Amino acid sequence: MLKASRNSEGPTSIKTHKRLCFGIKTTQQYTTYEEILRVWLEADTVPVIEHAWLFDHFMPIGSDPTGPCLEGWTLLSALAAQTQRLRVGIMVTGNTYRHPAILANMATTVDIISHGRLDFGIGAGRNEVEHTAYGIPLYSAGERIRRLGEACEVIHHL
């Protein structure tokens, strides 16, 4: 809802009233698919929980990167197929991990599986340990931002 108002300090200002909403974020490290699915299925039955998120990391984040970690987009597809109501997404996809056209195709597939419930989030990428471990170039911050802008254009047009 937008409201326009005039105050004594100047011209008309527009105030936006946004409704507060709640969601969950599960990290898919040191756990199993069955445990995450249990949490997401329960969240899907709680009306106040509107969205659920995973992360986009290939190995656990934190002090010990050697444990198990399920891949985010693959897991998101499975969870989207099992839930009915929750909006779903990755918080956030690292742009440096996948070619933008492939990522657009992946996101489209999850959106189809979820019947339009995908919320798409993308960032510049920054995890040096993962980039090194997987042989992915980690460009300077400025170059990553430039590439992120380019990826957003490509994904938007696909």
N, C-alpha and C. Protein backbone atom coordinates (compact mmCIF):
# COMPACT_ATOMS: atom_id res chain seq x y z
N MET A 1 0.84 -1.17 0.00
CA MET A 1 0.00 0.00 0.00
C MET A 1 0.89 1.23 0.00
N LEU A 2 0.61 2.17 -0.86
CA LEU A 2 1.34 3.43 -0.90
C LEU A 2 0.46 4.55 -0.38
N LYS A 3 1.04 5.44 0.39
CA LYS A 3 0.31 6.61 0.87
C LYS A 3 1.15 7.84 0.57
N ALA A 4 0.55 8.83 -0.03
CA ALA A 4 1.23 10.09 -0.28
C ALA A 4 0.84 11.06 0.82
N SER A 5 1.81 11.80 1.30
CA SER A 5 1.51 12.78 2.35
C SER A 5 2.38 14.01 2.16
N ARG A 6 1.89 15.11 2.62
CA ARG A 6 2.65 16.35 2.56
C ARG A 6 2.95 16.75 4.00
N ASN A 7 4.21 17.04 4.25
CA ASN A 7 4.56 17.47 5.60
C ASN A 7 5.13 18.87 5.56
N SER A 8 5.39 19.40 6.73
CA SER A 8 5.86 20.79 6.81
C SER A 8 7.30 20.94 6.33
N GLU A 9 8.00 19.85 6.14
CA GLU A 9 9.40 19.92 5.74
C GLU A 9 9.62 19.96 4.24
N GLY A 10 8.59 19.78 3.45
CA GLY A 10 8.86 19.81 2.02
C GLY A 10 7.76 19.17 1.21
N PRO A 11 8.15 18.70 0.02
CA PRO A 11 7.18 18.18 -0.93
C PRO A 11 6.54 16.87 -0.47
N THR A 12 5.65 16.43 -1.27
CA THR A 12 4.94 15.20 -0.99
C THR A 12 5.92 14.03 -0.92
N SER A 13 5.75 13.21 0.10
CA SER A 13 6.58 12.00 0.20
C SER A 13 5.66 10.79 0.10
N ILE A 14 6.21 9.71 -0.37
CA ILE A 14 5.44 8.48 -0.49
C ILE A 14 5.98 7.50 0.53
N LYS A 15 5.07 6.97 1.34
CA LYS A 15 5.43 5.98 2.35
C LYS A 15 4.93 4.63 1.88
N THR A 16 5.76 3.66 2.03
CA THR A 16 5.40 2.30 1.65
C THR A 16 5.16 1.47 2.90
N HIS A 17 4.03 0.81 2.95
CA HIS A 17 3.73 -0.08 4.07
C HIS A 17 3.85 -1.50 3.56
N LYS A 18 4.81 -2.20 4.09
CA LYS A 18 5.02 -3.58 3.67
C LYS A 18 4.63 -4.52 4.80
N ARG A 19 4.09 -5.62 4.41
CA ARG A 19 3.67 -6.64 5.35
C ARG A 19 4.89 -7.48 5.74
N LEU A 20 5.05 -7.73 7.01
CA LEU A 20 6.14 -8.57 7.50
C LEU A 20 5.84 -10.03 7.16
N CYS A 21 6.83 -10.74 6.65
CA CYS A 21 6.62 -12.16 6.36
C CYS A 21 7.80 -12.96 6.92
N PHE A 22 7.59 -14.25 7.07
CA PHE A 22 8.57 -15.12 7.69
C PHE A 22 8.92 -16.28 6.79
N GLY A 23 10.16 -16.75 6.91
CA GLY A 23 10.61 -17.90 6.16
C GLY A 23 11.67 -18.65 6.94
N ILE A 24 12.18 -19.70 6.33
CA ILE A 24 13.26 -20.47 6.94
C ILE A 24 14.42 -20.57 5.96
N LYS A 25 15.61 -20.76 6.51
CA LYS A 25 16.78 -21.05 5.69
C LYS A 25 17.46 -22.25 6.32
N THR A 26 17.58 -23.31 5.55
CA THR A 26 18.26 -24.50 6.03
C THR A 26 19.60 -24.60 5.31
N THR A 27 20.64 -24.87 6.07
CA THR A 27 21.95 -25.07 5.47
C THR A 27 22.16 -26.56 5.28
N GLN A 28 22.45 -26.94 4.07
CA GLN A 28 22.52 -28.36 3.72
C GLN A 28 23.91 -28.94 3.92
N GLN A 29 24.50 -28.63 5.05
CA GLN A 29 25.81 -29.17 5.40
C GLN A 29 25.67 -29.99 6.68
N TYR A 30 26.44 -31.08 6.76
CA TYR A 30 26.42 -31.96 7.93
C TYR A 30 25.02 -32.46 8.25
N THR A 31 24.22 -32.73 7.24
CA THR A 31 22.87 -33.24 7.44
C THR A 31 22.51 -34.14 6.27
N THR A 32 21.30 -34.63 6.28
CA THR A 32 20.85 -35.53 5.21
C THR A 32 19.68 -34.91 4.47
N TYR A 33 19.43 -35.44 3.28
CA TYR A 33 18.25 -35.02 2.52
C TYR A 33 16.98 -35.26 3.34
N GLU A 34 16.90 -36.39 4.00
CA GLU A 34 15.70 -36.73 4.77
C GLU A 34 15.44 -35.73 5.89
N GLU A 35 16.48 -35.28 6.55
CA GLU A 35 16.31 -34.29 7.64
C GLU A 35 15.84 -32.94 7.09
N ILE A 36 16.43 -32.49 6.01
CA ILE A 36 16.01 -31.21 5.42
C ILE A 36 14.59 -31.33 4.88
N LEU A 37 14.27 -32.43 4.23
CA LEU A 37 12.92 -32.63 3.72
C LEU A 37 11.91 -32.60 4.86
N ARG A 38 12.22 -33.22 5.99
CA ARG A 38 11.32 -33.21 7.14
C ARG A 38 11.03 -31.77 7.59
N VAL A 39 12.07 -30.96 7.67
CA VAL A 39 11.91 -29.56 8.10
C VAL A 39 11.06 -28.79 7.09
N TRP A 40 11.36 -28.95 5.79
CA TRP A 40 10.62 -28.22 4.75
C TRP A 40 9.16 -28.66 4.68
N LEU A 41 8.90 -29.96 4.84
CA LEU A 41 7.51 -30.43 4.82
C LEU A 41 6.73 -29.89 6.01
N GLU A 42 7.37 -29.84 7.16
CA GLU A 42 6.70 -29.26 8.32
C GLU A 42 6.45 -27.77 8.11
N ALA A 43 7.44 -27.05 7.61
CA ALA A 43 7.28 -25.61 7.33
C ALA A 43 6.16 -25.37 6.32
N ASP A 44 6.00 -26.28 5.38
CA ASP A 44 4.96 -26.15 4.36
C ASP A 44 3.55 -26.21 4.95
N THR A 45 3.43 -26.75 6.16
CA THR A 45 2.12 -26.84 6.82
C THR A 45 1.84 -25.68 7.75
N VAL A 46 2.83 -24.81 7.96
CA VAL A 46 2.69 -23.68 8.89
C VAL A 46 2.41 -22.42 8.07
N PRO A 47 1.17 -21.92 8.08
CA PRO A 47 0.81 -20.81 7.19
C PRO A 47 1.66 -19.55 7.34
N VAL A 48 2.16 -19.25 8.54
CA VAL A 48 2.93 -18.03 8.73
C VAL A 48 4.31 -18.12 8.06
N ILE A 49 4.80 -19.33 7.81
CA ILE A 49 6.08 -19.51 7.10
C ILE A 49 5.78 -19.50 5.61
N GLU A 50 6.27 -18.46 4.93
CA GLU A 50 5.92 -18.26 3.52
C GLU A 50 6.99 -18.70 2.54
N HIS A 51 8.24 -18.77 2.98
CA HIS A 51 9.30 -19.10 2.03
C HIS A 51 10.38 -19.92 2.72
N ALA A 52 11.14 -20.66 1.90
CA ALA A 52 12.22 -21.51 2.41
C ALA A 52 13.42 -21.40 1.47
N TRP A 53 14.60 -21.38 2.05
CA TRP A 53 15.82 -21.11 1.31
C TRP A 53 16.92 -22.11 1.62
N LEU A 54 17.78 -22.33 0.66
CA LEU A 54 19.02 -23.08 0.81
C LEU A 54 20.17 -22.13 0.49
N PHE A 55 21.41 -22.60 0.66
CA PHE A 55 22.54 -21.78 0.23
C PHE A 55 23.22 -22.39 -0.99
N ASP A 56 24.09 -21.62 -1.61
CA ASP A 56 24.78 -22.07 -2.82
C ASP A 56 26.27 -22.26 -2.51
N HIS A 57 26.56 -23.35 -1.80
CA HIS A 57 27.95 -23.70 -1.50
C HIS A 57 28.16 -25.16 -1.83
N PHE A 58 29.35 -25.51 -2.25
CA PHE A 58 29.68 -26.88 -2.63
C PHE A 58 30.36 -27.65 -1.50
N MET A 59 30.72 -26.95 -0.46
CA MET A 59 31.33 -27.57 0.72
C MET A 59 30.86 -26.79 1.94
N PRO A 60 30.91 -27.41 3.11
CA PRO A 60 30.44 -26.70 4.30
C PRO A 60 31.18 -25.38 4.50
N ILE A 61 30.43 -24.39 4.93
CA ILE A 61 31.06 -23.12 5.27
C ILE A 61 31.32 -23.12 6.77
N GLY A 62 32.34 -22.44 7.18
CA GLY A 62 32.73 -22.44 8.58
C GLY A 62 34.13 -22.97 8.74
N SER A 63 34.42 -23.50 9.91
CA SER A 63 35.79 -23.87 10.21
C SER A 63 36.24 -25.20 9.59
N ASP A 64 35.30 -26.12 9.28
CA ASP A 64 35.68 -27.42 8.72
C ASP A 64 34.99 -27.66 7.39
N PRO A 65 35.68 -27.41 6.27
CA PRO A 65 35.05 -27.58 4.96
C PRO A 65 35.08 -29.01 4.43
N THR A 66 35.43 -29.99 5.26
CA THR A 66 35.62 -31.35 4.76
C THR A 66 34.38 -32.24 4.86
N GLY A 67 33.34 -31.80 5.52
CA GLY A 67 32.17 -32.65 5.72
C GLY A 67 31.23 -32.66 4.53
N PRO A 68 30.12 -33.37 4.69
CA PRO A 68 29.15 -33.47 3.60
C PRO A 68 28.37 -32.17 3.39
N CYS A 69 28.06 -31.90 2.14
CA CYS A 69 27.29 -30.70 1.79
C CYS A 69 26.54 -30.99 0.49
N LEU A 70 25.23 -30.97 0.56
CA LEU A 70 24.40 -31.23 -0.63
C LEU A 70 24.39 -30.00 -1.53
N GLU A 71 24.44 -30.20 -2.84
CA GLU A 71 24.44 -29.09 -3.80
C GLU A 71 23.07 -28.41 -3.79
N GLY A 72 23.06 -27.08 -3.74
CA GLY A 72 21.85 -26.31 -3.53
C GLY A 72 20.78 -26.41 -4.59
N TRP A 73 21.12 -26.19 -5.86
CA TRP A 73 20.09 -26.17 -6.91
C TRP A 73 19.48 -27.55 -7.13
N THR A 74 20.30 -28.59 -7.03
CA THR A 74 19.77 -29.95 -7.18
C THR A 74 18.81 -30.26 -6.03
N LEU A 75 19.24 -29.92 -4.82
CA LEU A 75 18.40 -30.14 -3.63
C LEU A 75 17.13 -29.29 -3.71
N LEU A 76 17.24 -28.06 -4.17
CA LEU A 76 16.07 -27.19 -4.28
C LEU A 76 15.02 -27.79 -5.20
N SER A 77 15.47 -28.38 -6.28
CA SER A 77 14.54 -29.03 -7.22
C SER A 77 13.77 -30.16 -6.53
N ALA A 78 14.48 -30.97 -5.76
CA ALA A 78 13.83 -32.07 -5.04
C ALA A 78 12.84 -31.55 -4.01
N LEU A 79 13.22 -30.52 -3.26
CA LEU A 79 12.34 -29.97 -2.23
C LEU A 79 11.14 -29.25 -2.84
N ALA A 80 11.35 -28.59 -3.97
CA ALA A 80 10.24 -27.92 -4.66
C ALA A 80 9.19 -28.93 -5.11
N ALA A 81 9.64 -30.11 -5.51
CA ALA A 81 8.72 -31.16 -5.95
C ALA A 81 7.92 -31.74 -4.79
N GLN A 82 8.46 -31.65 -3.58
CA GLN A 82 7.81 -32.25 -2.41
C GLN A 82 6.93 -31.29 -1.62
N THR A 83 7.08 -29.99 -1.85
CA THR A 83 6.29 -28.99 -1.11
C THR A 83 5.20 -28.43 -2.03
N GLN A 84 4.21 -27.83 -1.41
CA GLN A 84 3.06 -27.35 -2.17
C GLN A 84 2.88 -25.83 -2.13
N ARG A 85 3.24 -25.20 -1.03
CA ARG A 85 2.86 -23.82 -0.79
C ARG A 85 4.04 -22.86 -0.66
N LEU A 86 5.11 -23.31 -0.04
CA LEU A 86 6.25 -22.43 0.23
C LEU A 86 6.86 -21.87 -1.05
N ARG A 87 7.22 -20.58 -1.03
CA ARG A 87 8.08 -20.04 -2.07
C ARG A 87 9.46 -20.60 -1.79
N VAL A 88 10.24 -20.88 -2.81
CA VAL A 88 11.53 -21.54 -2.63
C VAL A 88 12.63 -20.77 -3.33
N GLY A 89 13.86 -20.90 -2.81
CA GLY A 89 14.97 -20.21 -3.45
C GLY A 89 16.31 -20.55 -2.85
N ILE A 90 17.34 -20.01 -3.50
CA ILE A 90 18.72 -20.13 -3.05
C ILE A 90 19.14 -18.74 -2.57
N MET A 91 19.67 -18.66 -1.37
CA MET A 91 20.08 -17.37 -0.80
C MET A 91 21.60 -17.38 -0.62
N VAL A 92 22.34 -16.84 -1.52
CA VAL A 92 22.06 -16.48 -2.90
C VAL A 92 22.96 -17.30 -3.80
N THR A 93 22.57 -17.38 -5.06
CA THR A 93 23.37 -18.10 -6.05
C THR A 93 24.65 -17.32 -6.35
N GLY A 94 25.77 -18.01 -6.30
CA GLY A 94 27.05 -17.39 -6.67
C GLY A 94 27.17 -17.33 -8.18
N ASN A 95 27.22 -16.13 -8.73
CA ASN A 95 27.27 -15.95 -10.17
C ASN A 95 28.48 -16.62 -10.81
N THR A 96 29.58 -16.71 -10.10
CA THR A 96 30.81 -17.25 -10.67
C THR A 96 30.79 -18.76 -10.84
N TYR A 97 29.84 -19.44 -10.23
CA TYR A 97 29.81 -20.91 -10.25
C TYR A 97 29.23 -21.51 -11.53
N ARG A 98 28.37 -20.76 -12.24
CA ARG A 98 27.68 -21.34 -13.40
C ARG A 98 27.54 -20.29 -14.50
N HIS A 99 27.58 -20.74 -15.73
CA HIS A 99 27.33 -19.85 -16.86
C HIS A 99 25.89 -19.32 -16.75
N PRO A 100 25.67 -18.03 -17.01
CA PRO A 100 24.33 -17.45 -16.85
C PRO A 100 23.22 -18.15 -17.64
N ALA A 101 23.51 -18.62 -18.84
CA ALA A 101 22.48 -19.31 -19.63
C ALA A 101 22.11 -20.65 -18.99
N ILE A 102 23.10 -21.34 -18.45
CA ILE A 102 22.81 -22.61 -17.75
C ILE A 102 22.03 -22.33 -16.48
N LEU A 103 22.42 -21.31 -15.74
CA LEU A 103 21.69 -20.95 -14.52
C LEU A 103 20.25 -20.57 -14.83
N ALA A 104 20.03 -19.84 -15.90
CA ALA A 104 18.66 -19.48 -16.30
C ALA A 104 17.84 -20.73 -16.59
N ASN A 105 18.45 -21.71 -17.24
CA ASN A 105 17.76 -22.96 -17.53
C ASN A 105 17.45 -23.72 -16.25
N MET A 106 18.40 -23.75 -15.32
CA MET A 106 18.18 -24.42 -14.04
C MET A 106 17.03 -23.75 -13.28
N ALA A 107 17.06 -22.43 -13.23
CA ALA A 107 16.01 -21.68 -12.50
C ALA A 107 14.64 -21.90 -13.14
N THR A 108 14.59 -21.91 -14.45
CA THR A 108 13.33 -22.17 -15.15
C THR A 108 12.79 -23.54 -14.81
N THR A 109 13.68 -24.53 -14.75
CA THR A 109 13.27 -25.89 -14.42
C THR A 109 12.70 -25.96 -13.01
N VAL A 110 13.38 -25.34 -12.04
CA VAL A 110 12.86 -25.34 -10.66
C VAL A 110 11.54 -24.58 -10.59
N ASP A 111 11.41 -23.50 -11.33
CA ASP A 111 10.16 -22.74 -11.33
C ASP A 111 9.01 -23.58 -11.90
N ILE A 112 9.29 -24.37 -12.92
CA ILE A 112 8.26 -25.27 -13.48
C ILE A 112 7.90 -26.35 -12.47
N ILE A 113 8.90 -26.98 -11.88
CA ILE A 113 8.65 -28.03 -10.89
C ILE A 113 7.85 -27.51 -9.71
N SER A 114 8.14 -26.27 -9.30
CA SER A 114 7.47 -25.68 -8.13
C SER A 114 6.15 -25.01 -8.47
N HIS A 115 5.76 -25.04 -9.72
CA HIS A 115 4.52 -24.37 -10.17
C HIS A 115 4.57 -22.87 -9.88
N GLY A 116 5.72 -22.26 -10.22
CA GLY A 116 5.85 -20.80 -10.13
C GLY A 116 6.22 -20.27 -8.76
N ARG A 117 6.79 -21.09 -7.91
CA ARG A 117 7.11 -20.64 -6.54
C ARG A 117 8.56 -20.24 -6.34
N LEU A 118 9.37 -20.18 -7.40
CA LEU A 118 10.79 -19.85 -7.24
C LEU A 118 10.98 -18.35 -7.04
N ASP A 119 11.78 -18.00 -6.03
CA ASP A 119 12.31 -16.64 -5.86
C ASP A 119 13.79 -16.73 -6.21
N PHE A 120 14.22 -15.96 -7.18
CA PHE A 120 15.57 -16.06 -7.71
C PHE A 120 16.46 -15.01 -7.05
N GLY A 121 17.55 -15.46 -6.44
CA GLY A 121 18.52 -14.55 -5.84
C GLY A 121 19.90 -14.85 -6.39
N ILE A 122 20.63 -13.81 -6.75
CA ILE A 122 21.97 -14.00 -7.31
C ILE A 122 22.91 -12.93 -6.76
N GLY A 123 24.14 -13.35 -6.50
CA GLY A 123 25.16 -12.43 -6.01
C GLY A 123 26.45 -12.62 -6.78
N ALA A 124 27.44 -11.81 -6.47
CA ALA A 124 28.69 -11.78 -7.23
C ALA A 124 29.59 -12.98 -6.97
N GLY A 125 29.44 -13.67 -5.86
CA GLY A 125 30.31 -14.79 -5.51
C GLY A 125 31.57 -14.28 -4.81
N ARG A 126 32.03 -15.05 -3.80
CA ARG A 126 33.19 -14.55 -3.07
C ARG A 126 33.96 -15.61 -2.31
N ASN A 127 33.51 -16.86 -2.26
CA ASN A 127 34.13 -17.86 -1.40
C ASN A 127 35.43 -18.37 -2.02
N GLU A 128 36.54 -17.89 -1.50
CA GLU A 128 37.85 -18.22 -2.05
C GLU A 128 38.18 -19.71 -1.94
N VAL A 129 37.82 -20.33 -0.83
CA VAL A 129 38.12 -21.74 -0.61
C VAL A 129 37.43 -22.59 -1.68
N GLU A 130 36.16 -22.35 -1.94
CA GLU A 130 35.43 -23.11 -2.96
C GLU A 130 35.98 -22.86 -4.35
N HIS A 131 36.25 -21.62 -4.67
CA HIS A 131 36.78 -21.31 -5.99
C HIS A 131 38.10 -22.05 -6.22
N THR A 132 38.97 -22.05 -5.23
CA THR A 132 40.25 -22.74 -5.35
C THR A 132 40.05 -24.25 -5.46
N ALA A 133 39.22 -24.82 -4.60
CA ALA A 133 39.00 -26.26 -4.57
C ALA A 133 38.42 -26.78 -5.88
N TYR A 134 37.57 -25.99 -6.52
CA TYR A 134 36.91 -26.43 -7.75
C TYR A 134 37.55 -25.86 -9.01
N GLY A 135 38.64 -25.13 -8.86
CA GLY A 135 39.33 -24.59 -10.03
C GLY A 135 38.54 -23.51 -10.75
N ILE A 136 37.73 -22.77 -10.01
CA ILE A 136 36.92 -21.71 -10.59
C ILE A 136 37.65 -20.38 -10.38
N PRO A 137 37.86 -19.60 -11.42
CA PRO A 137 38.54 -18.31 -11.24
C PRO A 137 37.76 -17.39 -10.29
N LEU A 138 38.47 -16.77 -9.36
CA LEU A 138 37.86 -15.77 -8.47
C LEU A 138 38.43 -14.41 -8.87
N TYR A 139 37.64 -13.69 -9.64
CA TYR A 139 38.06 -12.40 -10.16
C TYR A 139 38.04 -11.34 -9.06
N SER A 140 38.59 -10.17 -9.36
CA SER A 140 38.55 -9.06 -8.41
C SER A 140 37.09 -8.69 -8.13
N ALA A 141 36.85 -8.01 -7.04
CA ALA A 141 35.48 -7.62 -6.67
C ALA A 141 34.83 -6.80 -7.79
N GLY A 142 35.56 -5.87 -8.36
CA GLY A 142 35.01 -5.04 -9.44
C GLY A 142 34.62 -5.86 -10.66
N GLU A 143 35.47 -6.82 -11.02
CA GLU A 143 35.18 -7.68 -12.16
C GLU A 143 33.99 -8.59 -11.87
N ARG A 144 33.89 -9.09 -10.63
CA ARG A 144 32.74 -9.93 -10.27
C ARG A 144 31.43 -9.13 -10.34
N ILE A 145 31.47 -7.89 -9.92
CA ILE A 145 30.27 -7.03 -10.00
C ILE A 145 29.90 -6.78 -11.46
N ARG A 146 30.89 -6.52 -12.30
CA ARG A 146 30.62 -6.31 -13.73
C ARG A 146 30.00 -7.57 -14.34
N ARG A 147 30.57 -8.71 -14.03
CA ARG A 147 30.04 -9.98 -14.54
C ARG A 147 28.64 -10.26 -13.99
N LEU A 148 28.38 -9.88 -12.76
CA LEU A 148 27.04 -10.05 -12.18
C LEU A 148 26.02 -9.23 -12.96
N GLY A 149 26.36 -8.00 -13.27
CA GLY A 149 25.45 -7.16 -14.07
C GLY A 149 25.17 -7.77 -15.43
N GLU A 150 26.20 -8.28 -16.06
CA GLU A 150 26.05 -8.92 -17.36
C GLU A 150 25.19 -10.18 -17.24
N ALA A 151 25.43 -10.98 -16.20
CA ALA A 151 24.65 -12.20 -15.98
C ALA A 151 23.17 -11.88 -15.76
N CYS A 152 22.90 -10.83 -14.99
CA CYS A 152 21.50 -10.43 -14.75
C CYS A 152 20.79 -10.07 -16.05
N GLU A 153 21.50 -9.38 -16.94
CA GLU A 153 20.92 -9.05 -18.25
C GLU A 153 20.64 -10.31 -19.05
N VAL A 154 21.59 -11.21 -19.10
CA VAL A 154 21.43 -12.45 -19.87
C VAL A 154 20.26 -13.26 -19.31
N ILE A 155 20.25 -13.47 -17.99
CA ILE A 155 19.21 -14.27 -17.36
C ILE A 155 17.84 -13.63 -17.57
N HIS A 156 17.76 -12.33 -17.45
CA HIS A 156 16.50 -11.61 -17.65
C HIS A 156 15.95 -11.81 -19.07
N HIS A 157 16.84 -11.80 -20.04
CA HIS A 157 16.42 -11.91 -21.44
C HIS A 157 16.11 -13.33 -21.87
N LEU A 158 16.60 -14.31 -21.11
CA LEU A 158 16.31 -15.70 -21.43
C LEU A 158 15.03 -16.08 -20.76
